[in-house]
N, C-alpha and C. Protein backbone atom coordinates (compact mmCIF):
# COMPACT_ATOMS: atom_id res chain seq x y z
N MET A 1 -8.75 14.52 -38.42
CA MET A 1 -7.74 13.68 -37.80
C MET A 1 -7.31 14.23 -36.44
N ASN A 2 -7.17 15.53 -36.36
CA ASN A 2 -6.77 16.17 -35.11
C ASN A 2 -7.83 15.97 -34.03
N LYS A 3 -9.11 16.03 -34.39
CA LYS A 3 -10.19 15.81 -33.42
C LYS A 3 -10.16 14.39 -32.87
N ILE A 4 -9.86 13.43 -33.71
CA ILE A 4 -9.79 12.03 -33.27
C ILE A 4 -8.67 11.88 -32.24
N ALA A 5 -7.52 12.49 -32.49
CA ALA A 5 -6.41 12.41 -31.54
C ALA A 5 -6.79 13.04 -30.21
N GLN A 6 -7.50 14.18 -30.26
CA GLN A 6 -7.93 14.84 -29.03
C GLN A 6 -8.90 13.97 -28.25
N ILE A 7 -9.83 13.33 -28.93
CA ILE A 7 -10.80 12.45 -28.27
C ILE A 7 -10.09 11.26 -27.62
N ILE A 8 -9.13 10.69 -28.32
CA ILE A 8 -8.38 9.55 -27.78
C ILE A 8 -7.60 9.97 -26.53
N ILE A 9 -6.99 11.15 -26.55
CA ILE A 9 -6.24 11.63 -25.38
C ILE A 9 -7.18 11.86 -24.21
N ILE A 10 -8.33 12.46 -24.45
CA ILE A 10 -9.30 12.70 -23.38
C ILE A 10 -9.78 11.38 -22.79
N LEU A 11 -10.08 10.41 -23.64
CA LEU A 11 -10.52 9.09 -23.14
C LEU A 11 -9.42 8.43 -22.32
N PHE A 12 -8.19 8.51 -22.80
CA PHE A 12 -7.06 7.91 -22.08
C PHE A 12 -6.90 8.54 -20.70
N LEU A 13 -6.96 9.87 -20.62
CA LEU A 13 -6.82 10.56 -19.34
C LEU A 13 -7.95 10.22 -18.38
N SER A 14 -9.17 10.12 -18.92
CA SER A 14 -10.30 9.81 -18.03
C SER A 14 -10.20 8.38 -17.52
N ILE A 15 -9.72 7.46 -18.33
CA ILE A 15 -9.54 6.08 -17.88
C ILE A 15 -8.46 6.01 -16.82
N SER A 16 -7.35 6.76 -16.99
CA SER A 16 -6.28 6.77 -16.00
C SER A 16 -6.77 7.30 -14.67
N CYS A 17 -7.54 8.39 -14.70
CA CYS A 17 -8.08 8.95 -13.45
C CYS A 17 -9.04 7.97 -12.80
N ASN A 18 -9.83 7.27 -13.61
CA ASN A 18 -10.77 6.31 -13.06
C ASN A 18 -10.06 5.16 -12.35
N LYS A 19 -8.91 4.72 -12.85
CA LYS A 19 -8.17 3.64 -12.20
C LYS A 19 -7.71 4.06 -10.81
N THR A 20 -7.25 5.30 -10.68
CA THR A 20 -6.81 5.79 -9.38
C THR A 20 -8.00 5.91 -8.44
N LYS A 21 -9.12 6.41 -8.92
CA LYS A 21 -10.32 6.54 -8.08
C LYS A 21 -10.84 5.17 -7.66
N THR A 22 -10.83 4.22 -8.58
CA THR A 22 -11.27 2.86 -8.26
C THR A 22 -10.37 2.25 -7.19
N ALA A 23 -9.06 2.44 -7.33
CA ALA A 23 -8.13 1.92 -6.33
C ALA A 23 -8.39 2.57 -4.97
N ALA A 24 -8.63 3.88 -4.97
CA ALA A 24 -8.88 4.58 -3.71
C ALA A 24 -10.13 4.04 -3.02
N LYS A 25 -11.18 3.79 -3.80
CA LYS A 25 -12.42 3.26 -3.22
C LYS A 25 -12.22 1.86 -2.65
N ARG A 26 -11.48 1.02 -3.39
CA ARG A 26 -11.26 -0.35 -2.92
C ARG A 26 -10.34 -0.39 -1.70
N LEU A 27 -9.36 0.51 -1.64
CA LEU A 27 -8.42 0.52 -0.53
C LEU A 27 -9.05 1.00 0.77
N ASP A 28 -10.03 1.85 0.67
CA ASP A 28 -10.64 2.46 1.85
C ASP A 28 -11.22 1.40 2.78
N GLY A 29 -10.83 1.43 4.06
CA GLY A 29 -11.38 0.51 5.04
C GLY A 29 -10.32 -0.18 5.86
N LYS A 30 -10.77 -1.18 6.64
CA LYS A 30 -9.88 -1.95 7.51
C LYS A 30 -9.51 -3.25 6.83
N TRP A 31 -8.22 -3.59 6.90
CA TRP A 31 -7.68 -4.80 6.30
C TRP A 31 -6.95 -5.61 7.36
N LYS A 32 -7.28 -6.88 7.47
CA LYS A 32 -6.62 -7.80 8.41
C LYS A 32 -5.47 -8.48 7.68
N VAL A 33 -4.29 -8.50 8.31
CA VAL A 33 -3.14 -9.16 7.69
C VAL A 33 -3.33 -10.67 7.77
N ILE A 34 -3.08 -11.36 6.66
CA ILE A 34 -3.24 -12.81 6.56
C ILE A 34 -1.88 -13.51 6.52
N SER A 35 -0.94 -12.93 5.77
CA SER A 35 0.39 -13.52 5.68
C SER A 35 1.42 -12.43 5.40
N TYR A 36 2.64 -12.76 5.71
CA TYR A 36 3.77 -11.84 5.52
C TYR A 36 4.95 -12.67 5.05
N SER A 37 5.57 -12.25 3.97
CA SER A 37 6.78 -12.92 3.51
C SER A 37 7.85 -11.87 3.25
N LYS A 38 9.09 -12.28 3.46
CA LYS A 38 10.19 -11.38 3.14
C LYS A 38 11.26 -12.15 2.40
N THR A 39 11.78 -11.48 1.39
CA THR A 39 12.83 -12.05 0.56
C THR A 39 14.09 -11.21 0.79
N ASP A 40 15.18 -11.87 1.20
CA ASP A 40 16.40 -11.11 1.47
C ASP A 40 17.13 -10.82 0.16
N ASN A 41 18.23 -10.08 0.27
CA ASN A 41 18.95 -9.65 -0.94
C ASN A 41 19.67 -10.79 -1.65
N GLU A 42 19.65 -11.99 -1.08
CA GLU A 42 20.21 -13.16 -1.75
C GLU A 42 19.13 -14.02 -2.39
N GLY A 43 17.87 -13.60 -2.25
CA GLY A 43 16.77 -14.32 -2.88
C GLY A 43 16.08 -15.35 -1.99
N LEU A 44 16.51 -15.49 -0.75
CA LEU A 44 15.89 -16.44 0.18
C LEU A 44 14.59 -15.84 0.70
N THR A 45 13.48 -16.59 0.55
CA THR A 45 12.17 -16.10 0.97
C THR A 45 11.67 -16.90 2.16
N GLU A 46 11.22 -16.18 3.17
CA GLU A 46 10.54 -16.77 4.32
C GLU A 46 9.12 -16.26 4.33
N LYS A 47 8.17 -17.14 4.66
CA LYS A 47 6.77 -16.74 4.72
C LYS A 47 6.19 -17.22 6.04
N THR A 48 5.33 -16.37 6.61
CA THR A 48 4.66 -16.77 7.84
C THR A 48 3.19 -16.36 7.78
N THR A 49 2.37 -17.24 8.34
CA THR A 49 0.97 -16.89 8.56
C THR A 49 0.72 -16.65 10.05
N ASP A 50 1.82 -16.70 10.82
CA ASP A 50 1.75 -16.39 12.25
C ASP A 50 1.87 -14.87 12.40
N VAL A 51 0.82 -14.20 11.91
CA VAL A 51 0.76 -12.74 11.93
C VAL A 51 -0.58 -12.30 12.48
N SER A 52 -0.61 -11.10 13.00
CA SER A 52 -1.87 -10.52 13.43
C SER A 52 -1.77 -9.01 13.25
N GLY A 53 -2.91 -8.38 13.15
CA GLY A 53 -2.92 -6.94 13.05
C GLY A 53 -3.73 -6.44 11.87
N GLU A 54 -3.71 -5.13 11.71
CA GLU A 54 -4.55 -4.49 10.71
C GLU A 54 -3.82 -3.35 10.02
N LEU A 55 -4.31 -3.06 8.84
CA LEU A 55 -3.98 -1.86 8.10
C LEU A 55 -5.30 -1.13 7.91
N ASN A 56 -5.39 0.08 8.41
CA ASN A 56 -6.61 0.86 8.30
C ASN A 56 -6.34 2.04 7.38
N LEU A 57 -7.04 2.08 6.25
CA LEU A 57 -6.87 3.14 5.26
C LEU A 57 -8.13 3.99 5.21
N ILE A 58 -7.97 5.27 5.41
CA ILE A 58 -9.10 6.19 5.37
C ILE A 58 -8.90 7.14 4.22
N SER A 59 -9.74 6.99 3.21
CA SER A 59 -9.65 7.81 2.01
C SER A 59 -10.58 9.00 2.15
N HIS A 60 -10.06 10.16 1.82
CA HIS A 60 -10.85 11.39 1.86
C HIS A 60 -11.03 11.88 0.42
N SER A 61 -12.26 12.05 0.00
CA SER A 61 -12.52 12.48 -1.37
C SER A 61 -12.22 13.95 -1.58
N SER A 62 -12.21 14.74 -0.53
CA SER A 62 -11.91 16.16 -0.64
C SER A 62 -10.44 16.35 -0.97
N SER A 63 -10.16 17.19 -1.95
CA SER A 63 -8.78 17.37 -2.39
C SER A 63 -7.91 18.08 -1.35
N ASP A 64 -8.52 18.78 -0.39
CA ASP A 64 -7.72 19.48 0.61
C ASP A 64 -7.50 18.66 1.88
N THR A 65 -7.97 17.42 1.89
CA THR A 65 -7.78 16.55 3.05
C THR A 65 -6.90 15.37 2.65
N THR A 66 -5.95 15.04 3.50
CA THR A 66 -5.00 13.98 3.22
C THR A 66 -5.59 12.63 3.59
N ASN A 67 -5.32 11.61 2.76
CA ASN A 67 -5.68 10.24 3.10
C ASN A 67 -4.80 9.81 4.28
N THR A 68 -5.39 9.09 5.24
CA THR A 68 -4.63 8.70 6.42
C THR A 68 -4.61 7.18 6.58
N TYR A 69 -3.63 6.69 7.33
CA TYR A 69 -3.52 5.25 7.58
C TYR A 69 -2.96 4.99 8.97
N THR A 70 -3.25 3.81 9.48
CA THR A 70 -2.56 3.25 10.64
C THR A 70 -2.24 1.79 10.31
N MET A 71 -1.07 1.34 10.71
CA MET A 71 -0.66 -0.04 10.49
C MET A 71 -0.12 -0.59 11.80
N GLN A 72 -0.67 -1.71 12.23
CA GLN A 72 -0.18 -2.41 13.43
C GLN A 72 -0.15 -3.89 13.09
N ILE A 73 1.06 -4.42 12.95
CA ILE A 73 1.24 -5.82 12.57
C ILE A 73 2.25 -6.46 13.50
N ALA A 74 1.90 -7.62 14.04
CA ALA A 74 2.83 -8.45 14.82
C ALA A 74 3.11 -9.69 14.00
N TYR A 75 4.38 -10.10 13.91
CA TYR A 75 4.75 -11.26 13.10
C TYR A 75 5.73 -12.15 13.86
N ASN A 76 5.77 -13.41 13.42
CA ASN A 76 6.64 -14.39 14.05
C ASN A 76 7.16 -15.34 12.97
N PHE A 77 8.42 -15.13 12.58
CA PHE A 77 9.13 -16.07 11.71
C PHE A 77 9.91 -17.02 12.62
N PRO A 78 10.39 -18.15 12.10
CA PRO A 78 11.15 -19.06 12.96
C PRO A 78 12.33 -18.41 13.67
N TYR A 79 13.02 -17.45 13.00
CA TYR A 79 14.20 -16.84 13.61
C TYR A 79 14.06 -15.32 13.79
N ASP A 80 12.87 -14.83 13.65
CA ASP A 80 12.67 -13.39 13.77
C ASP A 80 11.22 -13.11 14.15
N MET A 81 11.03 -12.22 15.10
CA MET A 81 9.69 -11.81 15.45
C MET A 81 9.71 -10.33 15.79
N GLY A 82 8.56 -9.68 15.61
CA GLY A 82 8.55 -8.26 15.89
C GLY A 82 7.21 -7.62 15.57
N ASN A 83 7.23 -6.31 15.57
CA ASN A 83 6.04 -5.52 15.31
C ASN A 83 6.35 -4.45 14.28
N ILE A 84 5.35 -4.14 13.49
CA ILE A 84 5.42 -3.01 12.57
C ILE A 84 4.28 -2.09 12.97
N GLU A 85 4.63 -0.90 13.38
CA GLU A 85 3.61 0.06 13.79
C GLU A 85 3.94 1.41 13.16
N SER A 86 2.99 1.96 12.43
CA SER A 86 3.18 3.29 11.86
C SER A 86 1.83 3.91 11.57
N ASN A 87 1.85 5.20 11.41
CA ASN A 87 0.65 5.93 11.02
C ASN A 87 1.08 7.20 10.31
N GLY A 88 0.15 7.76 9.56
CA GLY A 88 0.46 8.97 8.82
C GLY A 88 -0.51 9.15 7.67
N SER A 89 0.03 9.55 6.52
CA SER A 89 -0.80 9.77 5.35
C SER A 89 -0.35 8.83 4.23
N TYR A 90 -1.21 8.68 3.23
CA TYR A 90 -0.83 7.86 2.08
C TYR A 90 -1.35 8.48 0.79
N SER A 91 -0.67 8.10 -0.31
CA SER A 91 -1.05 8.54 -1.64
C SER A 91 -1.08 7.33 -2.56
N ILE A 92 -1.90 7.43 -3.58
CA ILE A 92 -1.97 6.38 -4.59
C ILE A 92 -1.36 6.94 -5.87
N LEU A 93 -0.40 6.22 -6.44
CA LEU A 93 0.32 6.71 -7.61
C LEU A 93 0.24 5.75 -8.78
N ASN A 94 0.64 6.24 -9.93
CA ASN A 94 0.81 5.45 -11.14
C ASN A 94 -0.44 4.64 -11.48
N LYS A 95 -1.56 5.34 -11.62
CA LYS A 95 -2.83 4.73 -12.02
C LYS A 95 -3.29 3.64 -11.05
N GLY A 96 -3.02 3.82 -9.77
CA GLY A 96 -3.47 2.86 -8.78
C GLY A 96 -2.57 1.66 -8.61
N ASN A 97 -1.35 1.70 -9.18
CA ASN A 97 -0.43 0.57 -9.07
C ASN A 97 0.49 0.63 -7.86
N TYR A 98 0.61 1.81 -7.23
CA TYR A 98 1.50 1.97 -6.09
C TYR A 98 0.79 2.74 -4.98
N ILE A 99 1.15 2.42 -3.74
CA ILE A 99 0.68 3.17 -2.59
C ILE A 99 1.93 3.61 -1.83
N VAL A 100 1.96 4.89 -1.47
CA VAL A 100 3.10 5.45 -0.74
C VAL A 100 2.60 5.89 0.63
N PHE A 101 3.23 5.33 1.67
CA PHE A 101 2.91 5.69 3.05
C PHE A 101 3.92 6.73 3.51
N GLU A 102 3.42 7.83 4.05
CA GLU A 102 4.27 8.86 4.64
C GLU A 102 4.06 8.78 6.15
N GLN A 103 5.04 8.20 6.82
CA GLN A 103 4.91 8.00 8.27
C GLN A 103 5.03 9.33 8.98
N ALA A 104 4.15 9.52 9.96
CA ALA A 104 4.20 10.74 10.77
C ALA A 104 5.57 10.84 11.44
N PRO A 105 6.17 12.01 11.41
CA PRO A 105 7.53 12.15 11.96
C PRO A 105 7.57 11.90 13.46
N LEU A 106 8.59 11.15 13.88
CA LEU A 106 8.82 10.90 15.30
C LEU A 106 9.48 12.12 15.94
N SER A 107 10.26 12.85 15.15
CA SER A 107 10.86 14.11 15.59
C SER A 107 10.95 15.02 14.37
N VAL A 108 11.32 16.23 14.57
CA VAL A 108 11.36 17.20 13.47
C VAL A 108 12.31 16.72 12.38
N GLY A 109 11.81 16.71 11.15
CA GLY A 109 12.64 16.38 10.00
C GLY A 109 12.89 14.91 9.76
N THR A 110 12.11 14.01 10.35
CA THR A 110 12.37 12.57 10.19
C THR A 110 11.22 11.85 9.48
N THR A 111 10.58 12.50 8.54
CA THR A 111 9.49 11.86 7.81
C THR A 111 10.03 10.67 7.01
N THR A 112 9.33 9.55 7.08
CA THR A 112 9.74 8.33 6.37
C THR A 112 8.69 7.99 5.32
N PHE A 113 9.16 7.69 4.11
CA PHE A 113 8.28 7.28 3.03
C PHE A 113 8.52 5.80 2.73
N SER A 114 7.45 5.04 2.57
CA SER A 114 7.53 3.64 2.18
C SER A 114 6.64 3.44 0.97
N THR A 115 7.23 2.94 -0.11
CA THR A 115 6.48 2.73 -1.34
C THR A 115 6.24 1.24 -1.53
N TYR A 116 4.99 0.89 -1.78
CA TYR A 116 4.61 -0.51 -2.02
C TYR A 116 3.91 -0.62 -3.36
N ARG A 117 4.27 -1.64 -4.10
CA ARG A 117 3.57 -1.95 -5.34
C ARG A 117 2.34 -2.77 -4.99
N ILE A 118 1.21 -2.40 -5.57
CA ILE A 118 -0.03 -3.14 -5.33
C ILE A 118 -0.06 -4.31 -6.30
N LEU A 119 0.08 -5.53 -5.77
CA LEU A 119 0.07 -6.73 -6.61
C LEU A 119 -1.35 -7.20 -6.88
N THR A 120 -2.20 -7.15 -5.86
CA THR A 120 -3.60 -7.58 -5.97
C THR A 120 -4.46 -6.58 -5.22
N LEU A 121 -5.55 -6.16 -5.84
CA LEU A 121 -6.52 -5.31 -5.18
C LEU A 121 -7.90 -5.65 -5.70
N THR A 122 -8.66 -6.33 -4.84
CA THR A 122 -10.05 -6.65 -5.15
C THR A 122 -10.90 -6.07 -4.02
N ASN A 123 -12.19 -6.31 -4.06
CA ASN A 123 -13.04 -5.83 -2.98
C ASN A 123 -12.74 -6.51 -1.65
N SER A 124 -12.08 -7.69 -1.69
CA SER A 124 -11.82 -8.44 -0.46
C SER A 124 -10.34 -8.69 -0.18
N ASP A 125 -9.46 -8.57 -1.16
CA ASP A 125 -8.04 -8.91 -0.98
C ASP A 125 -7.13 -7.77 -1.41
N LEU A 126 -6.05 -7.61 -0.66
CA LEU A 126 -5.01 -6.64 -0.97
C LEU A 126 -3.67 -7.31 -0.74
N GLN A 127 -2.81 -7.27 -1.75
CA GLN A 127 -1.46 -7.78 -1.62
C GLN A 127 -0.50 -6.68 -2.08
N ILE A 128 0.45 -6.33 -1.20
CA ILE A 128 1.41 -5.28 -1.53
C ILE A 128 2.82 -5.78 -1.27
N GLU A 129 3.80 -5.22 -2.01
CA GLU A 129 5.19 -5.56 -1.76
C GLU A 129 6.04 -4.30 -1.88
N GLY A 130 7.05 -4.25 -1.01
CA GLY A 130 7.95 -3.11 -1.02
C GLY A 130 9.24 -3.44 -0.29
N GLY A 131 10.26 -2.65 -0.57
CA GLY A 131 11.56 -2.87 0.04
C GLY A 131 11.69 -2.17 1.38
N ASP A 132 12.65 -2.63 2.17
CA ASP A 132 12.93 -1.98 3.45
C ASP A 132 14.38 -1.52 3.48
N SER A 133 14.80 -0.92 4.57
CA SER A 133 16.15 -0.35 4.69
C SER A 133 17.24 -1.43 4.73
N LEU A 134 16.86 -2.68 4.98
CA LEU A 134 17.84 -3.78 5.03
C LEU A 134 18.00 -4.49 3.69
N GLY A 135 17.26 -4.04 2.67
CA GLY A 135 17.34 -4.66 1.36
C GLY A 135 16.38 -5.82 1.18
N ASN A 136 15.48 -6.05 2.12
CA ASN A 136 14.48 -7.11 2.01
C ASN A 136 13.31 -6.62 1.18
N ILE A 137 12.66 -7.54 0.49
CA ILE A 137 11.39 -7.28 -0.18
C ILE A 137 10.30 -7.88 0.71
N ASN A 138 9.42 -7.03 1.24
CA ASN A 138 8.35 -7.46 2.13
C ASN A 138 7.04 -7.53 1.37
N THR A 139 6.35 -8.65 1.49
CA THR A 139 5.06 -8.84 0.83
C THR A 139 4.01 -9.17 1.89
N PHE A 140 2.92 -8.40 1.86
CA PHE A 140 1.83 -8.58 2.81
C PHE A 140 0.56 -8.93 2.06
N LEU A 141 -0.18 -9.88 2.61
CA LEU A 141 -1.50 -10.21 2.09
C LEU A 141 -2.52 -9.84 3.16
N PHE A 142 -3.53 -9.03 2.77
CA PHE A 142 -4.57 -8.58 3.67
C PHE A 142 -5.93 -9.03 3.17
N ARG A 143 -6.86 -9.19 4.09
CA ARG A 143 -8.25 -9.49 3.78
C ARG A 143 -9.10 -8.38 4.37
N LYS A 144 -10.05 -7.88 3.61
CA LYS A 144 -10.89 -6.76 4.07
C LYS A 144 -11.82 -7.21 5.18
N LEU A 145 -11.94 -6.41 6.21
CA LEU A 145 -12.85 -6.70 7.32
C LEU A 145 -14.22 -6.15 7.05
């Protein structure tokens, strides 16, 4: 009975590691932004396809090298327009369900972390959502280049 429990635990751990590795492989590359929506803290959602830009994710298989990213997105909502630009490192957490971006510090001690839940991840599509400092939930849809 004890051997069966050990085998089940080993299988479970290997499957969990495989999910993270699979997510890392699928995330690696350039992604073109297709749409952007934001939901405010009152539940009002605005969506725009008037967006342009890319998310570039570079995955390093070596454990001593950090995964890196650059994000450059321009958006235009009816009452709001702007740019999102950041770069730094990223990690994949919780069996490939979350991606955490660590923005390169603009000055000493100002590292910013942004956590996004991965809603969809296929070989061609990526959809992520995460909160911002204003209490909005931002959802991005990307297509692999």
